[in-house]
Amino acid sequence: MDESRHQILQAFGSLVKQKRILRQLSQEELGFRANLDRTYISGVERGVRNPSLVALVQIASGLEITVSELLDSLEAESQNIQ
């Protein structure tokens, strides 16, 4: 995996984790709300999973935020990466 891809996945995972913790949700609860397995959420948060568009929508829904809010946060973070 190239370095920039890895950094983006890690930045996204970190943002998901921050938003999950802010909402006082466990990985299991977020997984339930997003209709995804807890281990999948864990992989996303660790930056080892590259979520599909469908999973992205499900994660945002589970966090009760919009996809654009999630991606805006990622865009701001990724500007620090490049």
PDB file of N, CA and C in Angstrom:
ATOM      1  N   MET A   1       0.860  -1.176   0.000  1.00  0.00           N
ATOM      2  CA  MET A   1       0.000   0.000   0.000  1.00  0.00           C
ATOM      3  C   MET A   1       0.900   1.230   0.000  1.00  0.00           C
ATOM      4  N   ASP A   2       0.590   2.183  -0.886  1.00  0.00           N
ATOM      5  CA  ASP A   2       1.443   3.360  -0.904  1.00  0.00           C
ATOM      6  C   ASP A   2       1.207   4.215   0.336  1.00  0.00           C
ATOM      7  N   GLU A   3       2.191   5.013   0.671  1.00  0.00           N
ATOM      8  CA  GLU A   3       2.200   5.756   1.942  1.00  0.00           C
ATOM      9  C   GLU A   3       1.048   6.745   2.053  1.00  0.00           C
ATOM     10  N   SER A   4       0.737   7.479   0.988  1.00  0.00           N
ATOM     11  CA  SER A   4      -0.336   8.471   1.082  1.00  0.00           C
ATOM     12  C   SER A   4      -1.694   7.798   1.296  1.00  0.00           C
ATOM     13  N   ARG A   5      -1.911   6.665   0.646  1.00  0.00           N
ATOM     14  CA  ARG A   5      -3.167   5.907   0.846  1.00  0.00           C
ATOM     15  C   ARG A   5      -3.269   5.458   2.293  1.00  0.00           C
ATOM     16  N   HIS A   6      -2.184   4.941   2.818  1.00  0.00           N
ATOM     17  CA  HIS A   6      -2.145   4.481   4.207  1.00  0.00           C
ATOM     18  C   HIS A   6      -2.441   5.639   5.169  1.00  0.00           C
ATOM     19  N   GLN A   7      -1.850   6.793   4.904  1.00  0.00           N
ATOM     20  CA  GLN A   7      -2.071   7.955   5.769  1.00  0.00           C
ATOM     21  C   GLN A   7      -3.524   8.426   5.713  1.00  0.00           C
ATOM     22  N   ILE A   8      -4.126   8.385   4.547  1.00  0.00           N
ATOM     23  CA  ILE A   8      -5.525   8.800   4.408  1.00  0.00           C
ATOM     24  C   ILE A   8      -6.434   7.839   5.170  1.00  0.00           C
ATOM     25  N   LEU A   9      -6.195   6.541   5.029  1.00  0.00           N
ATOM     26  CA  LEU A   9      -7.011   5.558   5.747  1.00  0.00           C
ATOM     27  C   LEU A   9      -6.847   5.716   7.254  1.00  0.00           C
ATOM     28  N   GLN A  10      -5.635   5.989   7.698  1.00  0.00           N
ATOM     29  CA  GLN A  10      -5.409   6.193   9.129  1.00  0.00           C
ATOM     30  C   GLN A  10      -6.090   7.467   9.609  1.00  0.00           C
ATOM     31  N   ALA A  11      -6.035   8.540   8.813  1.00  0.00           N
ATOM     32  CA  ALA A  11      -6.688   9.798   9.180  1.00  0.00           C
ATOM     33  C   ALA A  11      -8.199   9.603   9.257  1.00  0.00           C
ATOM     34  N   PHE A  12      -8.769   8.880   8.293  1.00  0.00           N
ATOM     35  CA  PHE A  12     -10.205   8.623   8.313  1.00  0.00           C
ATOM     36  C   PHE A  12     -10.585   7.803   9.540  1.00  0.00           C
ATOM     37  N   GLY A  13      -9.813   6.767   9.803  1.00  0.00           N
ATOM     38  CA  GLY A  13     -10.088   5.925  10.969  1.00  0.00           C
ATOM     39  C   GLY A  13     -10.031   6.698  12.269  1.00  0.00           C
ATOM     40  N   SER A  14      -9.066   7.567  12.363  1.00  0.00           N
ATOM     41  CA  SER A  14      -8.925   8.397  13.556  1.00  0.00           C
ATOM     42  C   SER A  14     -10.135   9.316  13.725  1.00  0.00           C
ATOM     43  N   LEU A  15     -10.618   9.875  12.628  1.00  0.00           N
ATOM     44  CA  LEU A  15     -11.799  10.738  12.688  1.00  0.00           C
ATOM     45  C   LEU A  15     -13.045   9.966  13.108  1.00  0.00           C
ATOM     46  N   VAL A  16     -13.207   8.769  12.568  1.00  0.00           N
ATOM     47  CA  VAL A  16     -14.349   7.933  12.954  1.00  0.00           C
ATOM     48  C   VAL A  16     -14.275   7.647  14.451  1.00  0.00           C
ATOM     49  N   LYS A  17     -13.104   7.285  14.920  1.00  0.00           N
ATOM     50  CA  LYS A  17     -12.934   6.982  16.341  1.00  0.00           C
ATOM     51  C   LYS A  17     -13.240   8.207  17.205  1.00  0.00           C
ATOM     52  N   GLN A  18     -12.722   9.376  16.815  1.00  0.00           N
ATOM     53  CA  GLN A  18     -12.984  10.601  17.578  1.00  0.00           C
ATOM     54  C   GLN A  18     -14.476  10.885  17.661  1.00  0.00           C
ATOM     55  N   LYS A  19     -15.161  10.773  16.542  1.00  0.00           N
ATOM     56  CA  LYS A  19     -16.596  11.056  16.515  1.00  0.00           C
ATOM     57  C   LYS A  19     -17.377  10.011  17.303  1.00  0.00           C
ATOM     58  N   ARG A  20     -16.934   8.763  17.250  1.00  0.00           N
ATOM     59  CA  ARG A  20     -17.587   7.692  18.024  1.00  0.00           C
ATOM     60  C   ARG A  20     -17.434   7.949  19.513  1.00  0.00           C
ATOM     61  N   ILE A  21     -16.239   8.275  19.949  1.00  0.00           N
ATOM     62  CA  ILE A  21     -15.966   8.524  21.369  1.00  0.00           C
ATOM     63  C   ILE A  21     -16.721   9.768  21.846  1.00  0.00           C
ATOM     64  N   LEU A  22     -16.751  10.802  20.990  1.00  0.00           N
ATOM     65  CA  LEU A  22     -17.479  12.023  21.320  1.00  0.00           C
ATOM     66  C   LEU A  22     -18.954  11.721  21.609  1.00  0.00           C
ATOM     67  N   ARG A  23     -19.493  10.744  20.912  1.00  0.00           N
ATOM     68  CA  ARG A  23     -20.893  10.351  21.087  1.00  0.00           C
ATOM     69  C   ARG A  23     -21.068   9.247  22.127  1.00  0.00           C
ATOM     70  N   GLN A  24     -19.972   8.917  22.782  1.00  0.00           N
ATOM     71  CA  GLN A  24     -19.955   7.908  23.845  1.00  0.00           C
ATOM     72  C   GLN A  24     -20.512   6.561  23.372  1.00  0.00           C
ATOM     73  N   LEU A  25     -20.055   6.151  22.190  1.00  0.00           N
ATOM     74  CA  LEU A  25     -20.466   4.869  21.620  1.00  0.00           C
ATOM     75  C   LEU A  25     -19.293   3.894  21.661  1.00  0.00           C
ATOM     76  N   SER A  26     -19.583   2.655  21.939  1.00  0.00           N
ATOM     77  CA  SER A  26     -18.571   1.611  21.797  1.00  0.00           C
ATOM     78  C   SER A  26     -18.504   1.231  20.319  1.00  0.00           C
ATOM     79  N   GLN A  27     -17.448   0.521  19.954  1.00  0.00           N
ATOM     80  CA  GLN A  27     -17.366   0.019  18.581  1.00  0.00           C
ATOM     81  C   GLN A  27     -18.547  -0.901  18.300  1.00  0.00           C
ATOM     82  N   GLU A  28     -18.918  -1.679  19.271  1.00  0.00           N
ATOM     83  CA  GLU A  28     -20.046  -2.596  19.102  1.00  0.00           C
ATOM     84  C   GLU A  28     -21.342  -1.832  18.850  1.00  0.00           C
ATOM     85  N   GLU A  29     -21.572  -0.765  19.613  1.00  0.00           N
ATOM     86  CA  GLU A  29     -22.795   0.028  19.436  1.00  0.00           C
ATOM     87  C   GLU A  29     -22.798   0.726  18.082  1.00  0.00           C
ATOM     88  N   LEU A  30     -21.666   1.293  17.682  1.00  0.00           N
ATOM     89  CA  LEU A  30     -21.595   1.921  16.363  1.00  0.00           C
ATOM     90  C   LEU A  30     -21.843   0.876  15.279  1.00  0.00           C
ATOM     91  N   GLY A  31     -21.242  -0.275  15.418  1.00  0.00           N
ATOM     92  CA  GLY A  31     -21.461  -1.345  14.451  1.00  0.00           C
ATOM     93  C   GLY A  31     -22.933  -1.713  14.347  1.00  0.00           C
ATOM     94  N   PHE A  32     -23.604  -1.809  15.486  1.00  0.00           N
ATOM     95  CA  PHE A  32     -25.036  -2.132  15.502  1.00  0.00           C
ATOM     96  C   PHE A  32     -25.829  -1.054  14.779  1.00  0.00           C
ATOM     97  N   ARG A  33     -25.539   0.209  15.116  1.00  0.00           N
ATOM     98  CA  ARG A  33     -26.265   1.328  14.501  1.00  0.00           C
ATOM     99  C   ARG A  33     -25.995   1.437  13.004  1.00  0.00           C
ATOM    100  N   ALA A  34     -24.779   1.077  12.596  1.00  0.00           N
ATOM    101  CA  ALA A  34     -24.382   1.180  11.190  1.00  0.00           C
ATOM    102  C   ALA A  34     -24.650  -0.105  10.410  1.00  0.00           C
ATOM    103  N   ASN A  35     -25.132  -1.132  11.099  1.00  0.00           N
ATOM    104  CA  ASN A  35     -25.362  -2.442  10.487  1.00  0.00           C
ATOM    105  C   ASN A  35     -24.071  -3.027   9.909  1.00  0.00           C
ATOM    106  N   LEU A  36     -22.985  -2.843  10.687  1.00  0.00           N
ATOM    107  CA  LEU A  36     -21.669  -3.378  10.329  1.00  0.00           C
ATOM    108  C   LEU A  36     -21.112  -4.122  11.539  1.00  0.00           C
ATOM    109  N   ASP A  37     -20.257  -5.080  11.307  1.00  0.00           N
ATOM    110  CA  ASP A  37     -19.662  -5.832  12.402  1.00  0.00           C
ATOM    111  C   ASP A  37     -18.687  -4.966  13.202  1.00  0.00           C
ATOM    112  N   ARG A  38     -18.601  -5.209  14.490  1.00  0.00           N
ATOM    113  CA  ARG A  38     -17.676  -4.472  15.359  1.00  0.00           C
ATOM    114  C   ARG A  38     -16.243  -4.593  14.849  1.00  0.00           C
ATOM    115  N   THR A  39     -15.877  -5.763  14.351  1.00  0.00           N
ATOM    116  CA  THR A  39     -14.512  -5.948  13.862  1.00  0.00           C
ATOM    117  C   THR A  39     -14.248  -5.104  12.615  1.00  0.00           C
ATOM    118  N   TYR A  40     -15.292  -4.847  11.826  1.00  0.00           N
ATOM    119  CA  TYR A  40     -15.152  -3.978  10.656  1.00  0.00           C
ATOM    120  C   TYR A  40     -14.890  -2.544  11.113  1.00  0.00           C
ATOM    121  N   ILE A  41     -15.666  -2.095  12.117  1.00  0.00           N
ATOM    122  CA  ILE A  41     -15.467  -0.753  12.680  1.00  0.00           C
ATOM    123  C   ILE A  41     -14.047  -0.629  13.223  1.00  0.00           C
ATOM    124  N   SER A  42     -13.586  -1.646  13.915  1.00  0.00           N
ATOM    125  CA  SER A  42     -12.228  -1.651  14.451  1.00  0.00           C
ATOM    126  C   SER A  42     -11.200  -1.507  13.329  1.00  0.00           C
ATOM    127  N   GLY A  43     -11.389  -2.241  12.257  1.00  0.00           N
ATOM    128  CA  GLY A  43     -10.471  -2.168  11.117  1.00  0.00           C
ATOM    129  C   GLY A  43     -10.456  -0.793  10.475  1.00  0.00           C
ATOM    130  N   VAL A  44     -11.632  -0.171  10.374  1.00  0.00           N
ATOM    131  CA  VAL A  44     -11.718   1.189   9.827  1.00  0.00           C
ATOM    132  C   VAL A  44     -10.950   2.139  10.732  1.00  0.00           C
ATOM    133  N   GLU A  45     -11.194   2.045  12.036  1.00  0.00           N
ATOM    134  CA  GLU A  45     -10.535   2.951  12.987  1.00  0.00           C
ATOM    135  C   GLU A  45      -9.018   2.770  13.010  1.00  0.00           C
ATOM    136  N   ARG A  46      -8.540   1.572  12.755  1.00  0.00           N
ATOM    137  CA  ARG A  46      -7.099   1.322  12.737  1.00  0.00           C
ATOM    138  C   ARG A  46      -6.467   1.647  11.395  1.00  0.00           C
ATOM    139  N   GLY A  47      -7.298   1.975  10.404  1.00  0.00           N
ATOM    140  CA  GLY A  47      -6.779   2.328   9.092  1.00  0.00           C
ATOM    141  C   GLY A  47      -6.387   1.143   8.238  1.00  0.00           C
ATOM    142  N   VAL A  48      -6.892  -0.044   8.563  1.00  0.00           N
ATOM    143  CA  VAL A  48      -6.568  -1.231   7.772  1.00  0.00           C
ATOM    144  C   VAL A  48      -7.701  -1.623   6.829  1.00  0.00           C
ATOM    145  N   ARG A  49      -8.832  -0.959   6.947  1.00  0.00           N
ATOM    146  CA  ARG A  49      -9.967  -1.180   6.046  1.00  0.00           C
ATOM    147  C   ARG A  49     -10.185   0.066   5.204  1.00  0.00           C
ATOM    148  N   ASN A  50     -10.519  -0.137   3.952  1.00  0.00           N
ATOM    149  CA  ASN A  50     -10.876   0.949   3.046  1.00  0.00           C
ATOM    150  C   ASN A  50     -12.374   0.824   2.808  1.00  0.00           C
ATOM    151  N   PRO A  51     -13.191   1.572   3.574  1.00  0.00           N
ATOM    152  CA  PRO A  51     -14.632   1.373   3.489  1.00  0.00           C
ATOM    153  C   PRO A  51     -15.196   1.767   2.126  1.00  0.00           C
ATOM    154  N   SER A  52     -16.162   0.987   1.676  1.00  0.00           N
ATOM    155  CA  SER A  52     -16.865   1.285   0.433  1.00  0.00           C
ATOM    156  C   SER A  52     -17.778   2.494   0.645  1.00  0.00           C
ATOM    157  N   LEU A  53     -18.332   2.969  -0.431  1.00  0.00           N
ATOM    158  CA  LEU A  53     -19.277   4.083  -0.345  1.00  0.00           C
ATOM    159  C   LEU A  53     -20.470   3.700   0.523  1.00  0.00           C
ATOM    160  N   VAL A  54     -20.952   2.492   0.370  1.00  0.00           N
ATOM    161  CA  VAL A  54     -22.082   2.022   1.170  1.00  0.00           C
ATOM    162  C   VAL A  54     -21.708   2.005   2.654  1.00  0.00           C
ATOM    163  N   ALA A  55     -20.529   1.490   2.973  1.00  0.00           N
ATOM    164  CA  ALA A  55     -20.089   1.450   4.373  1.00  0.00           C
ATOM    165  C   ALA A  55     -19.900   2.859   4.922  1.00  0.00           C
ATOM    166  N   LEU A  56     -19.408   3.764   4.101  1.00  0.00           N
ATOM    167  CA  LEU A  56     -19.234   5.157   4.511  1.00  0.00           C
ATOM    168  C   LEU A  56     -20.578   5.770   4.910  1.00  0.00           C
ATOM    169  N   VAL A  57     -21.595   5.531   4.095  1.00  0.00           N
ATOM    170  CA  VAL A  57     -22.937   6.026   4.398  1.00  0.00           C
ATOM    171  C   VAL A  57     -23.452   5.392   5.688  1.00  0.00           C
ATOM    172  N   GLN A  58     -23.224   4.103   5.865  1.00  0.00           N
ATOM    173  CA  GLN A  58     -23.684   3.411   7.070  1.00  0.00           C
ATOM    174  C   GLN A  58     -22.971   3.937   8.315  1.00  0.00           C
ATOM    175  N   ILE A  59     -21.683   4.177   8.222  1.00  0.00           N
ATOM    176  CA  ILE A  59     -20.922   4.694   9.365  1.00  0.00           C
ATOM    177  C   ILE A  59     -21.427   6.085   9.738  1.00  0.00           C
ATOM    178  N   ALA A  60     -21.596   6.948   8.748  1.00  0.00           N
ATOM    179  CA  ALA A  60     -22.109   8.292   9.023  1.00  0.00           C
ATOM    180  C   ALA A  60     -23.486   8.209   9.681  1.00  0.00           C
ATOM    181  N   SER A  61     -24.326   7.354   9.163  1.00  0.00           N
ATOM    182  CA  SER A  61     -25.660   7.177   9.744  1.00  0.00           C
ATOM    183  C   SER A  61     -25.572   6.693  11.186  1.00  0.00           C
ATOM    184  N   GLY A  62     -24.693   5.741  11.439  1.00  0.00           N
ATOM    185  CA  GLY A  62     -24.505   5.221  12.798  1.00  0.00           C
ATOM    186  C   GLY A  62     -24.003   6.284  13.758  1.00  0.00           C
ATOM    187  N   LEU A  63     -23.240   7.233  13.239  1.00  0.00           N
ATOM    188  CA  LEU A  63     -22.728   8.337  14.057  1.00  0.00           C
ATOM    189  C   LEU A  63     -23.720   9.503  14.126  1.00  0.00           C
ATOM    190  N   GLU A  64     -24.807   9.371  13.369  1.00  0.00           N
ATOM    191  CA  GLU A  64     -25.845  10.406  13.290  1.00  0.00           C
ATOM    192  C   GLU A  64     -25.273  11.733  12.780  1.00  0.00           C
ATOM    193  N   ILE A  65     -24.456  11.617  11.733  1.00  0.00           N
ATOM    194  CA  ILE A  65     -23.924  12.782  11.042  1.00  0.00           C
ATOM    195  C   ILE A  65     -24.092  12.550   9.547  1.00  0.00           C
ATOM    196  N   THR A  66     -23.851  13.585   8.776  1.00  0.00           N
ATOM    197  CA  THR A  66     -23.938  13.427   7.327  1.00  0.00           C
ATOM    198  C   THR A  66     -22.606  12.912   6.782  1.00  0.00           C
ATOM    199  N   VAL A  67     -22.676  12.315   5.628  1.00  0.00           N
ATOM    200  CA  VAL A  67     -21.458  11.865   4.956  1.00  0.00           C
ATOM    201  C   VAL A  67     -20.566  13.076   4.676  1.00  0.00           C
ATOM    202  N   SER A  68     -21.178  14.185   4.285  1.00  0.00           N
ATOM    203  CA  SER A  68     -20.373  15.368   3.983  1.00  0.00           C
ATOM    204  C   SER A  68     -19.646  15.874   5.218  1.00  0.00           C
ATOM    205  N   GLU A  69     -20.274  15.777   6.386  1.00  0.00           N
ATOM    206  CA  GLU A  69     -19.589  16.185   7.617  1.00  0.00           C
ATOM    207  C   GLU A  69     -18.369  15.300   7.871  1.00  0.00           C
ATOM    208  N   LEU A  70     -18.537  14.028   7.646  1.00  0.00           N
ATOM    209  CA  LEU A  70     -17.431  13.089   7.838  1.00  0.00           C
ATOM    210  C   LEU A  70     -16.310  13.364   6.830  1.00  0.00           C
ATOM    211  N   LEU A  71     -16.679  13.589   5.574  1.00  0.00           N
ATOM    212  CA  LEU A  71     -15.669  13.818   4.543  1.00  0.00           C
ATOM    213  C   LEU A  71     -15.040  15.200   4.649  1.00  0.00           C
ATOM    214  N   ASP A  72     -15.810  16.196   5.096  1.00  0.00           N
ATOM    215  CA  ASP A  72     -15.221  17.525   5.306  1.00  0.00           C
ATOM    216  C   ASP A  72     -14.115  17.446   6.349  1.00  0.00           C
ATOM    217  N   SER A  73     -14.358  16.682   7.405  1.00  0.00           N
ATOM    218  CA  SER A  73     -13.343  16.501   8.444  1.00  0.00           C
ATOM    219  C   SER A  73     -12.116  15.813   7.869  1.00  0.00           C
ATOM    220  N   LEU A  74     -12.350  14.814   7.027  1.00  0.00           N
ATOM    221  CA  LEU A  74     -11.235  14.099   6.403  1.00  0.00           C
ATOM    222  C   LEU A  74     -10.468  15.018   5.460  1.00  0.00           C
ATOM    223  N   GLU A  75     -11.186  15.826   4.699  1.00  0.00           N
ATOM    224  CA  GLU A  75     -10.523  16.731   3.763  1.00  0.00           C
ATOM    225  C   GLU A  75      -9.616  17.716   4.517  1.00  0.00           C
ATOM    226  N   ALA A  76     -10.107  18.255   5.615  1.00  0.00           N
ATOM    227  CA  ALA A  76      -9.299  19.181   6.412  1.00  0.00           C
ATOM    228  C   ALA A  76      -8.062  18.469   6.948  1.00  0.00           C
ATOM    229  N   GLU A  77      -8.240  17.252   7.415  1.00  0.00           N
ATOM    230  CA  GLU A  77      -7.118  16.478   7.959  1.00  0.00           C
ATOM    231  C   GLU A  77      -6.131  16.097   6.860  1.00  0.00           C
ATOM    232  N   SER A  78      -6.634  15.721   5.679  1.00  0.00           N
ATOM    233  CA  SER A  78      -5.742  15.265   4.620  1.00  0.00           C
ATOM    234  C   SER A  78      -4.893  16.401   4.044  1.00  0.00           C
ATOM    235  N   GLN A  79      -5.316  17.629   4.206  1.00  0.00           N
ATOM    236  CA  GLN A  79      -4.498  18.753   3.749  1.00  0.00           C
ATOM    237  C   GLN A  79      -3.209  18.823   4.557  1.00  0.00           C
ATOM    238  N   ASN A  80      -3.244  18.335   5.783  1.00  0.00           N
ATOM    239  CA  ASN A  80      -2.038  18.275   6.608  1.00  0.00           C
ATOM    240  C   ASN A  80      -1.118  17.134   6.181  1.00  0.00           C
ATOM    241  N   ILE A  81      -1.674  16.142   5.508  1.00  0.00           N
ATOM    242  CA  ILE A  81      -0.903  14.965   5.096  1.00  0.00           C
ATOM    243  C   ILE A  81      -0.092  15.272   3.849  1.00  0.00           C
ATOM    244  N   GLN A  82      -0.700  15.932   2.880  1.00  0.00           N
ATOM    245  CA  GLN A  82      -0.051  16.137   1.591  1.00  0.00           C
ATOM    246  C   GLN A  82       0.920  17.232   1.632  1.00  0.00           C
TER     247      GLN A  82
END
